[in-house]
C-alpha cells in the first residue's frame, strides 16, 4: 500500500492459519510460530516509515504478535512510542486481532523505583507503557527478569492485580530461574491468573532452557515458551561465515564482539551452514526451524530491519522436520 494512505490489511492474512500458529500451552491463545520483536529496530533512531512497512508486511502475513518492553529503543521507551503511532495511524481497526506484549524489570528511569520487581515500579511502568502505546490494556505483561531482592509475593501479586485491574489480559515471565518459575506458577494458579508463557533465550548456541529444565517444566505444566535471540544476534546466519562485514553489529563491537567469533565457533557455524544447505535452507532458516521443533516451544521472536529479512525468516514455519539432532 501507499504508506501515505490508509492501511487496509491483506484479506488473505489467515489463509495459512493451520501452519502459521501454535497453541500457547493449555490456554485459549494461539500465537504465530514467528513473532515480531521490537528490540533495537523500531526505536526513535530508526525510520518510522520503515517500521510501518515491516509491521504491515508482518500483519499481512499472519504475524499478529508484537513483542515490546518499556526500555526498548533506543532511546528507552521509543519502541513503545513507535507502537503507539502504529496503533493510531494503522492498527486501531485491528486491535482485537493483535497480541501485544510489553515488559518491566530492567532499568527505565533514575532513582530506586525505576528498576527490578517492586509493586511501585511494575505498576508505574505499565501505566507509562500504555500511555506510550495508545492502549487501554496489553494482551501480555511480563516480569522482564528475576529480582532476588524483592519478595516473589510482592512481584507476583502486583502482576495479579494488574490483570484484575484490566491493564493486562495475561502474564508472562522472562529470565526467571527454574525454582522461581515453579513458585510463580503455583502462586498464580492459586489466584486464578495462570502463567501464560515464559520467554527465554534458546538457540543452537545457547540451550540453557533445555539444560536447566525450564522448557520441560513449561511443556509439562501447560505454559507456553517463546524464544528470544533465536539467531544469536546474527551469529546463526551466513553474515559472519567469511569475515566480519564493516556494517555489522560485530564490527561496531556493541552486543557482539569480534573476539567471540573464535576459530572453533566459526568451524561449527560453517558445519551447520553445510547441513542447512543439504536441507535446502539457509543457516538462519534451519536455526529457527530447529527451535520450533523443540518440545514445548510456541514461537520464536525475530527482529527485522527489512521486509525481505522478515520474509526469509518466515520460511522456517514450512521447514522439514529434523531426522537427527544437531
C-alpha atoms as a PDB file:
ATOM      1  CA  UNK A   1       0.000   0.000   0.000  1.00  0.00           C
ATOM      2  CA  UNK A   2       0.944   3.660  -0.232  1.00  0.00           C
ATOM      3  CA  UNK A   3       2.324   4.437   3.227  1.00  0.00           C
ATOM      4  CA  UNK A   4       0.766   7.893   2.997  1.00  0.00           C
ATOM      5  CA  UNK A   5      -2.678   6.353   2.560  1.00  0.00           C
ATOM      6  CA  UNK A   6      -4.999   4.375   4.811  1.00  0.00           C
ATOM      7  CA  UNK A   7      -3.729   0.921   5.696  1.00  0.00           C
ATOM      8  CA  UNK A   8      -6.020  -1.956   4.828  1.00  0.00           C
ATOM      9  CA  UNK A   9      -4.809  -5.373   5.922  1.00  0.00           C
ATOM     10  CA  UNK A  10      -4.481  -8.178   3.405  1.00  0.00           C
ATOM     11  CA  UNK A  11      -7.709 -10.190   3.357  1.00  0.00           C
ATOM     12  CA  UNK A  12      -5.701 -13.415   2.920  1.00  0.00           C
ATOM     13  CA  UNK A  13      -3.593 -12.942   6.053  1.00  0.00           C
ATOM     14  CA  UNK A  14      -5.061 -16.029   7.748  1.00  0.00           C
ATOM     15  CA  UNK A  15      -5.238 -18.318   4.723  1.00  0.00           C
ATOM     16  CA  UNK A  16      -2.293 -20.379   6.021  1.00  0.00           C
ATOM     17  CA  UNK A  17      -3.666 -20.379   9.559  1.00  0.00           C
ATOM     18  CA  UNK A  18      -3.051 -24.029  10.424  1.00  0.00           C
ATOM     19  CA  UNK A  19       0.650 -23.955   9.609  1.00  0.00           C
ATOM     20  CA  UNK A  20       1.324 -20.465  10.996  1.00  0.00           C
ATOM     21  CA  UNK A  21       0.104 -20.799  14.599  1.00  0.00           C
ATOM     22  CA  UNK A  22       0.776 -22.843  17.738  1.00  0.00           C
ATOM     23  CA  UNK A  23      -1.348 -23.080  20.848  1.00  0.00           C
ATOM     24  CA  UNK A  24       0.281 -21.337  23.804  1.00  0.00           C
ATOM     25  CA  UNK A  25       0.476 -24.049  26.454  1.00  0.00           C
ATOM     26  CA  UNK A  26      -3.016 -25.114  27.502  1.00  0.00           C
ATOM     27  CA  UNK A  27      -4.517 -21.654  27.083  1.00  0.00           C
ATOM     28  CA  UNK A  28      -7.019 -20.436  24.550  1.00  0.00           C
ATOM     29  CA  UNK A  29      -4.345 -18.289  22.912  1.00  0.00           C
ATOM     30  CA  UNK A  30      -2.785 -19.172  19.565  1.00  0.00           C
ATOM     31  CA  UNK A  31       0.445 -17.386  18.702  1.00  0.00           C
ATOM     32  CA  UNK A  32       2.215 -17.198  15.355  1.00  0.00           C
ATOM     33  CA  UNK A  33       5.214 -19.501  15.156  1.00  0.00           C
ATOM     34  CA  UNK A  34       7.224 -16.431  14.149  1.00  0.00           C
ATOM     35  CA  UNK A  35       6.522 -13.320  16.228  1.00  0.00           C
ATOM     36  CA  UNK A  36       7.899  -9.826  15.651  1.00  0.00           C
ATOM     37  CA  UNK A  37      10.176  -8.329  18.295  1.00  0.00           C
ATOM     38  CA  UNK A  38      10.600  -4.555  18.594  1.00  0.00           C
ATOM     39  CA  UNK A  39      14.030  -4.601  20.259  1.00  0.00           C
ATOM     40  CA  UNK A  40      16.541  -2.325  18.503  1.00  0.00           C
ATOM     41  CA  UNK A  41      14.852  -1.893  15.120  1.00  0.00           C
ATOM     42  CA  UNK A  42      11.795   0.191  15.988  1.00  0.00           C
ATOM     43  CA  UNK A  43      13.185   2.931  18.224  1.00  0.00           C
ATOM     44  CA  UNK A  44      13.412   6.677  17.934  1.00  0.00           C
ATOM     45  CA  UNK A  45      16.638   6.446  15.948  1.00  0.00           C
ATOM     46  CA  UNK A  46      15.020   4.243  13.292  1.00  0.00           C
ATOM     47  CA  UNK A  47      12.912   5.224  10.300  1.00  0.00           C
ATOM     48  CA  UNK A  48       9.234   5.271  11.204  1.00  0.00           C
ATOM     49  CA  UNK A  49       8.207   4.600   7.606  1.00  0.00           C
ATOM     50  CA  UNK A  50      10.431   1.524   7.562  1.00  0.00           C
ATOM     51  CA  UNK A  51       8.842   0.372  10.837  1.00  0.00           C
ATOM     52  CA  UNK A  52       5.395   0.831   9.282  1.00  0.00           C
ATOM     53  CA  UNK A  53       6.390  -1.147   6.227  1.00  0.00           C
ATOM     54  CA  UNK A  54       7.733  -4.039   8.305  1.00  0.00           C
ATOM     55  CA  UNK A  55       4.723  -4.221  10.618  1.00  0.00           C
ATOM     56  CA  UNK A  56       2.300  -4.010   7.706  1.00  0.00           C
ATOM     57  CA  UNK A  57       4.128  -6.867   5.994  1.00  0.00           C
ATOM     58  CA  UNK A  58       4.136  -8.917   9.191  1.00  0.00           C
ATOM     59  CA  UNK A  59       0.418  -8.489   9.839  1.00  0.00           C
ATOM     60  CA  UNK A  60      -0.453  -9.063   6.190  1.00  0.00           C
ATOM     61  CA  UNK A  61       1.276 -12.449   6.505  1.00  0.00           C
ATOM     62  CA  UNK A  62      -0.406 -13.547   9.711  1.00  0.00           C
ATOM     63  CA  UNK A  63       2.099 -12.288  12.290  1.00  0.00           C
ATOM     64  CA  UNK A  64      -0.160 -10.666  14.853  1.00  0.00           C
ATOM     65  CA  UNK A  65       2.102 -10.850  17.924  1.00  0.00           C
ATOM     66  CA  UNK A  66       4.288  -7.784  18.525  1.00  0.00           C
ATOM     67  CA  UNK A  67       6.669  -8.011  21.486  1.00  0.00           C
ATOM     68  CA  UNK A  68       7.969  -4.922  23.287  1.00  0.00           C
ATOM     69  CA  UNK A  69       9.406  -3.779  26.616  1.00  0.00           C
ATOM     70  CA  UNK A  70       9.457  -0.463  28.420  1.00  0.00           C
ATOM     71  CA  UNK A  71      13.133   0.168  27.652  1.00  0.00           C
ATOM     72  CA  UNK A  72      13.228  -0.985  24.022  1.00  0.00           C
ATOM     73  CA  UNK A  73      14.528   1.619  21.625  1.00  0.00           C
ATOM     74  CA  UNK A  74      16.918   3.281  21.705  1.00  0.00           C
ATOM     75  CA  UNK A  75      16.223   5.602  23.427  1.00  0.00           C
ATOM     76  CA  UNK A  76      14.257   3.945  26.211  1.00  0.00           C
ATOM     77  CA  UNK A  77      10.522   3.990  25.619  1.00  0.00           C
ATOM     78  CA  UNK A  78      10.770   4.880  21.957  1.00  0.00           C
ATOM     79  CA  UNK A  79       9.825   1.444  20.601  1.00  0.00           C
ATOM     80  CA  UNK A  80       6.575   1.696  22.547  1.00  0.00           C
ATOM     81  CA  UNK A  81       6.084   5.200  21.170  1.00  0.00           C
ATOM     82  CA  UNK A  82       6.508   3.754  17.679  1.00  0.00           C
ATOM     83  CA  UNK A  83       3.894   1.137  18.540  1.00  0.00           C
ATOM     84  CA  UNK A  84       1.616   3.939  19.696  1.00  0.00           C
ATOM     85  CA  UNK A  85       1.977   5.733  16.370  1.00  0.00           C
ATOM     86  CA  UNK A  86       1.302   2.490  14.521  1.00  0.00           C
ATOM     87  CA  UNK A  87      -1.856   1.910  16.552  1.00  0.00           C
ATOM     88  CA  UNK A  88      -3.041   5.454  15.857  1.00  0.00           C
ATOM     89  CA  UNK A  89      -2.098   5.518  12.165  1.00  0.00           C
ATOM     90  CA  UNK A  90      -2.854   1.961  11.049  1.00  0.00           C
ATOM     91  CA  UNK A  91      -3.832  -0.708  13.532  1.00  0.00           C
ATOM     92  CA  UNK A  92      -6.666   0.728  15.616  1.00  0.00           C
ATOM     93  CA  UNK A  93      -9.299  -1.079  13.491  1.00  0.00           C
ATOM     94  CA  UNK A  94      -7.364  -4.323  14.017  1.00  0.00           C
ATOM     95  CA  UNK A  95      -6.663  -4.014  17.746  1.00  0.00           C
ATOM     96  CA  UNK A  96      -8.702  -7.102  18.617  1.00  0.00           C
ATOM     97  CA  UNK A  97      -6.627  -9.159  16.182  1.00  0.00           C
ATOM     98  CA  UNK A  98      -3.311  -8.081  17.709  1.00  0.00           C
ATOM     99  CA  UNK A  99      -1.494  -9.720  20.610  1.00  0.00           C
ATOM    100  CA  UNK A 100       0.758  -7.033  22.093  1.00  0.00           C
ATOM    101  CA  UNK A 101       3.176  -7.727  24.922  1.00  0.00           C
ATOM    102  CA  UNK A 102       5.390  -5.488  26.990  1.00  0.00           C
ATOM    103  CA  UNK A 103       7.674  -5.939  29.982  1.00  0.00           C
ATOM    104  CA  UNK A 104       9.178  -4.253  33.010  1.00  0.00           C
ATOM    105  CA  UNK A 105      12.149  -5.295  35.088  1.00  0.00           C
ATOM    106  CA  UNK A 106      15.254  -3.622  33.689  1.00  0.00           C
ATOM    107  CA  UNK A 107      16.374  -0.059  34.319  1.00  0.00           C
ATOM    108  CA  UNK A 108      13.977   2.516  32.938  1.00  0.00           C
ATOM    109  CA  UNK A 109      14.307   5.739  34.949  1.00  0.00           C
ATOM    110  CA  UNK A 110      16.536   7.132  37.662  1.00  0.00           C
ATOM    111  CA  UNK A 111      16.082   6.543  41.366  1.00  0.00           C
ATOM    112  CA  UNK A 112      15.223   3.492  43.453  1.00  0.00           C
ATOM    113  CA  UNK A 113      11.845   2.855  41.819  1.00  0.00           C
ATOM    114  CA  UNK A 114      12.890   2.662  38.165  1.00  0.00           C
ATOM    115  CA  UNK A 115      14.165  -0.904  38.073  1.00  0.00           C
ATOM    116  CA  UNK A 116      13.653  -4.526  39.160  1.00  0.00           C
ATOM    117  CA  UNK A 117      10.419  -6.003  40.543  1.00  0.00           C
ATOM    118  CA  UNK A 118       8.715  -3.836  43.139  1.00  0.00           C
ATOM    119  CA  UNK A 119       4.989  -3.213  43.008  1.00  0.00           C
ATOM    120  CA  UNK A 120       5.662   0.511  42.600  1.00  0.00           C
ATOM    121  CA  UNK A 121       7.949   0.027  39.601  1.00  0.00           C
ATOM    122  CA  UNK A 122       5.852  -2.575  37.787  1.00  0.00           C
ATOM    123  CA  UNK A 123       2.630  -0.599  38.207  1.00  0.00           C
ATOM    124  CA  UNK A 124       4.108   2.755  37.195  1.00  0.00           C
ATOM    125  CA  UNK A 125       5.989   1.227  34.285  1.00  0.00           C
ATOM    126  CA  UNK A 126       2.915  -0.399  32.773  1.00  0.00           C
ATOM    127  CA  UNK A 127       0.906   2.807  33.172  1.00  0.00           C
ATOM    128  CA  UNK A 128       3.629   4.628  31.228  1.00  0.00           C
ATOM    129  CA  UNK A 129       3.764   1.867  28.603  1.00  0.00           C
ATOM    130  CA  UNK A 130       0.029   2.019  27.976  1.00  0.00           C
ATOM    131  CA  UNK A 131       0.224   5.769  27.503  1.00  0.00           C
ATOM    132  CA  UNK A 132       3.127   5.485  25.052  1.00  0.00           C
ATOM    133  CA  UNK A 133       1.357   2.779  23.040  1.00  0.00           C
ATOM    134  CA  UNK A 134      -2.064   4.475  22.948  1.00  0.00           C
ATOM    135  CA  UNK A 135      -3.610   1.379  24.533  1.00  0.00           C
ATOM    136  CA  UNK A 136      -6.107   0.716  27.299  1.00  0.00           C
ATOM    137  CA  UNK A 137      -4.554  -2.684  28.000  1.00  0.00           C
ATOM    138  CA  UNK A 138      -1.836  -5.030  26.803  1.00  0.00           C
ATOM    139  CA  UNK A 139      -2.535  -8.630  25.968  1.00  0.00           C
ATOM    140  CA  UNK A 140       0.532  -9.841  27.845  1.00  0.00           C
ATOM    141  CA  UNK A 141       2.626  -8.289  30.605  1.00  0.00           C
ATOM    142  CA  UNK A 142       5.979  -9.790  31.589  1.00  0.00           C
ATOM    143  CA  UNK A 143       8.243  -9.553  34.552  1.00  0.00           C
ATOM    144  CA  UNK A 144      11.362  -8.985  32.461  1.00  0.00           C
ATOM    145  CA  UNK A 145      13.803 -10.514  34.939  1.00  0.00           C
ATOM    146  CA  UNK A 146      14.020 -12.208  38.302  1.00  0.00           C
ATOM    147  CA  UNK A 147      14.628  -9.891  41.250  1.00  0.00           C
ATOM    148  CA  UNK A 148      16.350 -11.714  44.108  1.00  0.00           C
ATOM    149  CA  UNK A 149      15.995  -8.740  46.475  1.00  0.00           C
ATOM    150  CA  UNK A 150      12.224  -8.291  46.214  1.00  0.00           C
ATOM    151  CA  UNK A 151       9.906 -10.947  47.588  1.00  0.00           C
ATOM    152  CA  UNK A 152       8.341 -13.053  44.876  1.00  0.00           C
ATOM    153  CA  UNK A 153       4.973 -12.474  46.519  1.00  0.00           C
ATOM    154  CA  UNK A 154       5.254  -8.710  46.026  1.00  0.00           C
ATOM    155  CA  UNK A 155       6.192  -9.009  42.356  1.00  0.00           C
ATOM    156  CA  UNK A 156       3.600 -11.651  41.565  1.00  0.00           C
ATOM    157  CA  UNK A 157       0.747 -10.052  43.497  1.00  0.00           C
ATOM    158  CA  UNK A 158       1.405  -6.769  41.713  1.00  0.00           C
ATOM    159  CA  UNK A 159       1.077  -8.655  38.429  1.00  0.00           C
ATOM    160  CA  UNK A 160      -2.122 -10.381  39.557  1.00  0.00           C
ATOM    161  CA  UNK A 161      -3.576  -7.003  40.486  1.00  0.00           C
ATOM    162  CA  UNK A 162      -2.589  -5.609  37.085  1.00  0.00           C
ATOM    163  CA  UNK A 163      -4.689  -8.308  35.415  1.00  0.00           C
ATOM    164  CA  UNK A 164      -7.616  -7.769  37.782  1.00  0.00           C
ATOM    165  CA  UNK A 165      -7.457  -4.032  37.053  1.00  0.00           C
ATOM    166  CA  UNK A 166      -7.843  -4.781  33.340  1.00  0.00           C
ATOM    167  CA  UNK A 167      -4.441  -3.405  32.348  1.00  0.00           C
ATOM    168  CA  UNK A 168      -3.244  -6.786  31.039  1.00  0.00           C
ATOM    169  CA  UNK A 169      -5.040  -9.956  29.978  1.00  0.00           C
ATOM    170  CA  UNK A 170      -2.230 -12.449  30.579  1.00  0.00           C
ATOM    171  CA  UNK A 171       1.053 -12.694  32.477  1.00  0.00           C
ATOM    172  CA  UNK A 172       4.491 -13.924  31.480  1.00  0.00           C
ATOM    173  CA  UNK A 173       7.962 -14.318  32.940  1.00  0.00           C
ATOM    174  CA  UNK A 174      11.363 -13.825  31.356  1.00  0.00           C
ATOM    175  CA  UNK A 175      14.792 -14.790  32.693  1.00  0.00           C
ATOM    176  CA  UNK A 176      13.476 -16.362  35.891  1.00  0.00           C
ATOM    177  CA  UNK A 177      15.343 -19.421  37.261  1.00  0.00           C
ATOM    178  CA  UNK A 178      13.509 -22.730  37.423  1.00  0.00           C
ATOM    179  CA  UNK A 179      12.720 -22.738  41.145  1.00  0.00           C
ATOM    180  CA  UNK A 180      11.317 -19.208  40.996  1.00  0.00           C
ATOM    181  CA  UNK A 181       9.314 -20.195  37.906  1.00  0.00           C
ATOM    182  CA  UNK A 182       7.797 -23.122  39.818  1.00  0.00           C
ATOM    183  CA  UNK A 183       6.860 -20.865  42.731  1.00  0.00           C
ATOM    184  CA  UNK A 184       5.326 -18.300  40.388  1.00  0.00           C
ATOM    185  CA  UNK A 185       3.369 -20.944  38.505  1.00  0.00           C
ATOM    186  CA  UNK A 186       1.780 -22.251  41.702  1.00  0.00           C
ATOM    187  CA  UNK A 187       1.190 -18.777  43.147  1.00  0.00           C
ATOM    188  CA  UNK A 188      -0.566 -17.528  40.026  1.00  0.00           C
ATOM    189  CA  UNK A 189      -2.688 -20.666  39.596  1.00  0.00           C
ATOM    190  CA  UNK A 190      -3.927 -20.348  43.166  1.00  0.00           C
ATOM    191  CA  UNK A 191      -5.125 -16.831  42.330  1.00  0.00           C
ATOM    192  CA  UNK A 192      -6.841 -17.855  39.084  1.00  0.00           C
ATOM    193  CA  UNK A 193      -4.394 -15.929  36.904  1.00  0.00           C
ATOM    194  CA  UNK A 194      -2.358 -18.770  35.381  1.00  0.00           C
ATOM    195  CA  UNK A 195       1.019 -18.085  33.840  1.00  0.00           C
ATOM    196  CA  UNK A 196       0.615 -17.920  30.069  1.00  0.00           C
ATOM    197  CA  UNK A 197       4.180 -18.027  28.781  1.00  0.00           C
ATOM    198  CA  UNK A 198       7.882 -17.979  29.577  1.00  0.00           C
ATOM    199  CA  UNK A 199      10.320 -16.026  27.412  1.00  0.00           C
ATOM    200  CA  UNK A 200      13.881 -17.310  27.366  1.00  0.00           C
ATOM    201  CA  UNK A 201      16.998 -17.329  25.239  1.00  0.00           C
ATOM    202  CA  UNK A 202      17.042 -20.538  23.215  1.00  0.00           C
ATOM    203  CA  UNK A 203      19.087 -21.120  20.089  1.00  0.00           C
ATOM    204  CA  UNK A 204      21.582 -23.585  18.648  1.00  0.00           C
ATOM    205  CA  UNK A 205      24.389 -21.919  20.592  1.00  0.00           C
ATOM    206  CA  UNK A 206      22.520 -21.439  23.876  1.00  0.00           C
ATOM    207  CA  UNK A 207      20.343 -24.335  25.011  1.00  0.00           C
ATOM    208  CA  UNK A 208      20.172 -23.359  28.672  1.00  0.00           C
ATOM    209  CA  UNK A 209      16.334 -23.510  28.925  1.00  0.00           C
ATOM    210  CA  UNK A 210      16.600 -27.178  27.958  1.00  0.00           C
ATOM    211  CA  UNK A 211      19.628 -27.888  30.107  1.00  0.00           C
ATOM    212  CA  UNK A 212      18.095 -26.188  33.164  1.00  0.00           C
ATOM    213  CA  UNK A 213      14.741 -27.951  32.827  1.00  0.00           C
ATOM    214  CA  UNK A 214      12.737 -24.805  32.102  1.00  0.00           C
ATOM    215  CA  UNK A 215      11.454 -25.975  28.730  1.00  0.00           C
ATOM    216  CA  UNK A 216      10.393 -29.360  30.114  1.00  0.00           C
ATOM    217  CA  UNK A 217       8.627 -27.713  33.050  1.00  0.00           C
ATOM    218  CA  UNK A 218       6.698 -25.395  30.740  1.00  0.00           C
ATOM    219  CA  UNK A 219       5.678 -28.266  28.467  1.00  0.00           C
ATOM    220  CA  UNK A 220       4.551 -30.424  31.400  1.00  0.00           C
ATOM    221  CA  UNK A 221       2.559 -27.659  33.092  1.00  0.00           C
ATOM    222  CA  UNK A 222       0.790 -26.100  30.123  1.00  0.00           C
ATOM    223  CA  UNK A 223       2.918 -22.961  29.921  1.00  0.00           C
ATOM    224  CA  UNK A 224       3.938 -21.595  26.536  1.00  0.00           C
ATOM    225  CA  UNK A 225       7.556 -20.850  25.653  1.00  0.00           C
ATOM    226  CA  UNK A 226       8.818 -18.162  23.292  1.00  0.00           C
ATOM    227  CA  UNK A 227      12.472 -17.851  22.306  1.00  0.00           C
ATOM    228  CA  UNK A 228      14.280 -14.534  22.110  1.00  0.00           C
ATOM    229  CA  UNK A 229      17.611 -14.102  20.319  1.00  0.00           C
ATOM    230  CA  UNK A 230      16.927 -17.211  18.197  1.00  0.00           C
ATOM    231  CA  UNK A 231      19.689 -16.257  15.755  1.00  0.00           C
ATOM    232  CA  UNK A 232      22.155 -15.276  18.493  1.00  0.00           C
ATOM    233  CA  UNK A 233      22.075 -11.650  17.296  1.00  0.00           C
ATOM    234  CA  UNK A 234      23.129 -12.660  13.802  1.00  0.00           C
ATOM    235  CA  UNK A 235      25.751 -15.304  14.536  1.00  0.00           C
ATOM    236  CA  UNK A 236      23.404 -18.023  13.287  1.00  0.00           C
ATOM    237  CA  UNK A 237      23.211 -16.532   9.810  1.00  0.00           C
ATOM    238  CA  UNK A 238      25.633 -16.507   6.903  1.00  0.00           C
ATOM    239  CA  UNK A 239      26.713 -12.968   7.797  1.00  0.00           C
ATOM    240  CA  UNK A 240      29.968 -13.892   9.546  1.00  0.00           C
ATOM    241  CA  UNK A 241      30.994 -17.036   7.683  1.00  0.00           C
ATOM    242  CA  UNK A 242      33.526 -15.192   5.517  1.00  0.00           C
ATOM    243  CA  UNK A 243      34.687 -12.426   7.820  1.00  0.00           C
ATOM    244  CA  UNK A 244      33.178  -9.504   9.715  1.00  0.00           C
ATOM    245  CA  UNK A 245      31.286  -7.048   7.446  1.00  0.00           C
ATOM    246  CA  UNK A 246      32.067  -3.404   8.159  1.00  0.00           C
ATOM    247  CA  UNK A 247      28.380  -2.547   8.700  1.00  0.00           C
ATOM    248  CA  UNK A 248      27.652  -5.464  11.026  1.00  0.00           C
ATOM    249  CA  UNK A 249      26.854  -5.475  14.734  1.00  0.00           C
ATOM    250  CA  UNK A 250      30.113  -7.254  15.409  1.00  0.00           C
ATOM    251  CA  UNK A 251      32.135  -4.596  13.598  1.00  0.00           C
ATOM    252  CA  UNK A 252      30.564  -1.992  15.873  1.00  0.00           C
ATOM    253  CA  UNK A 253      31.641  -4.031  18.947  1.00  0.00           C
ATOM    254  CA  UNK A 254      28.258  -3.434  20.564  1.00  0.00           C
ATOM    255  CA  UNK A 255      26.295  -6.551  21.524  1.00  0.00           C
ATOM    256  CA  UNK A 256      28.548  -8.871  19.544  1.00  0.00           C
ATOM    257  CA  UNK A 257      32.318  -8.758  19.987  1.00  0.00           C
ATOM    258  CA  UNK A 258      34.826  -9.787  17.338  1.00  0.00           C
ATOM    259  CA  UNK A 259      36.687 -11.834  19.949  1.00  0.00           C
ATOM    260  CA  UNK A 260      33.590 -14.026  20.299  1.00  0.00           C
ATOM    261  CA  UNK A 261      33.989 -15.316  16.750  1.00  0.00           C
ATOM    262  CA  UNK A 262      36.624 -17.891  17.647  1.00  0.00           C
ATOM    263  CA  UNK A 263      38.039 -20.384  15.122  1.00  0.00           C
ATOM    264  CA  UNK A 264      36.138 -23.148  16.930  1.00  0.00           C
ATOM    265  CA  UNK A 265      32.835 -21.281  16.679  1.00  0.00           C
ATOM    266  CA  UNK A 266      33.409 -20.411  13.037  1.00  0.00           C
ATOM    267  CA  UNK A 267      34.068 -24.068  12.267  1.00  0.00           C
ATOM    268  CA  UNK A 268      30.807 -25.031  13.974  1.00  0.00           C
ATOM    269  CA  UNK A 269      28.853 -22.348  12.098  1.00  0.00           C
ATOM    270  CA  UNK A 270      30.250 -23.494   8.761  1.00  0.00           C
ATOM    271  CA  UNK A 271      29.339 -27.103   9.536  1.00  0.00           C
ATOM    272  CA  UNK A 272      25.781 -26.062  10.392  1.00  0.00           C
ATOM    273  CA  UNK A 273      25.649 -23.960   7.239  1.00  0.00           C
ATOM    274  CA  UNK A 274      26.608 -27.035   5.205  1.00  0.00           C
ATOM    275  CA  UNK A 275      23.916 -29.048   6.973  1.00  0.00           C
ATOM    276  CA  UNK A 276      21.366 -26.334   6.207  1.00  0.00           C
ATOM    277  CA  UNK A 277      22.358 -26.437   2.551  1.00  0.00           C
ATOM    278  CA  UNK A 278      21.580 -30.149   2.444  1.00  0.00           C
ATOM    279  CA  UNK A 279      18.107 -29.276   3.730  1.00  0.00           C
ATOM    280  CA  UNK A 280      17.756 -26.590   1.031  1.00  0.00           C
ATOM    281  CA  UNK A 281      17.665 -23.958   3.761  1.00  0.00           C
ATOM    282  CA  UNK A 282      19.806 -21.073   4.867  1.00  0.00           C
ATOM    283  CA  UNK A 283      21.585 -21.315   8.206  1.00  0.00           C
ATOM    284  CA  UNK A 284      19.084 -18.830   9.667  1.00  0.00           C
ATOM    285  CA  UNK A 285      16.088 -20.831   8.432  1.00  0.00           C
ATOM    286  CA  UNK A 286      17.495 -24.032   9.907  1.00  0.00           C
ATOM    287  CA  UNK A 287      18.323 -22.338  13.209  1.00  0.00           C
ATOM    288  CA  UNK A 288      14.759 -21.055  13.535  1.00  0.00           C
ATOM    289  CA  UNK A 289      13.126 -24.303  12.459  1.00  0.00           C
ATOM    290  CA  UNK A 290      15.299 -26.220  14.957  1.00  0.00           C
ATOM    291  CA  UNK A 291      13.849 -24.120  17.794  1.00  0.00           C
ATOM    292  CA  UNK A 292      10.289 -24.640  16.596  1.00  0.00           C
ATOM    293  CA  UNK A 293      10.938 -28.396  16.534  1.00  0.00           C
ATOM    294  CA  UNK A 294      11.785 -28.468  20.237  1.00  0.00           C
ATOM    295  CA  UNK A 295       9.134 -29.841  22.569  1.00  0.00           C
ATOM    296  CA  UNK A 296       7.136 -27.111  24.263  1.00  0.00           C
ATOM    297  CA  UNK A 297       8.175 -24.189  22.041  1.00  0.00           C
ATOM    298  CA  UNK A 298       5.310 -21.951  20.965  1.00  0.00           C
ATOM    299  CA  UNK A 299       7.046 -19.225  18.966  1.00  0.00           C
ATOM    300  CA  UNK A 300      10.330 -17.587  18.054  1.00  0.00           C
ATOM    301  CA  UNK A 301      10.845 -13.837  18.329  1.00  0.00           C
ATOM    302  CA  UNK A 302      12.635 -12.325  15.371  1.00  0.00           C
ATOM    303  CA  UNK A 303      13.726  -8.778  14.773  1.00  0.00           C
ATOM    304  CA  UNK A 304      13.720  -7.319  11.298  1.00  0.00           C
ATOM    305  CA  UNK A 305      15.369  -4.372   9.619  1.00  0.00           C
ATOM    306  CA  UNK A 306      13.574  -5.011   6.312  1.00  0.00           C
ATOM    307  CA  UNK A 307      10.596  -6.874   4.910  1.00  0.00           C
ATOM    308  CA  UNK A 308      13.000  -9.034   2.908  1.00  0.00           C
ATOM    309  CA  UNK A 309      14.722 -10.197   6.081  1.00  0.00           C
ATOM    310  CA  UNK A 310      11.409 -10.963   7.759  1.00  0.00           C
ATOM    311  CA  UNK A 311      10.144 -12.846   4.722  1.00  0.00           C
ATOM    312  CA  UNK A 312      13.240 -15.064   4.710  1.00  0.00           C
ATOM    313  CA  UNK A 313      12.879 -15.834   8.410  1.00  0.00           C
ATOM    314  CA  UNK A 314       9.219 -16.736   7.987  1.00  0.00           C
ATOM    315  CA  UNK A 315      10.167 -19.654   5.733  1.00  0.00           C
ATOM    316  CA  UNK A 316      11.095 -21.657   8.830  1.00  0.00           C
ATOM    317  CA  UNK A 317       7.438 -22.458   9.540  1.00  0.00           C
ATOM    318  CA  UNK A 318       7.350 -24.700   6.457  1.00  0.00           C
ATOM    319  CA  UNK A 319      10.674 -26.457   7.101  1.00  0.00           C
ATOM    320  CA  UNK A 320      11.021 -30.232   7.068  1.00  0.00           C
ATOM    321  CA  UNK A 321      11.280 -31.999  10.450  1.00  0.00           C
ATOM    322  CA  UNK A 322      14.741 -32.965  11.639  1.00  0.00           C
ATOM    323  CA  UNK A 323      15.729 -36.606  11.181  1.00  0.00           C
ATOM    324  CA  UNK A 324      18.533 -36.325  13.746  1.00  0.00           C
ATOM    325  CA  UNK A 325      19.796 -33.973  16.441  1.00  0.00           C
ATOM    326  CA  UNK A 326      22.014 -31.051  15.513  1.00  0.00           C
END
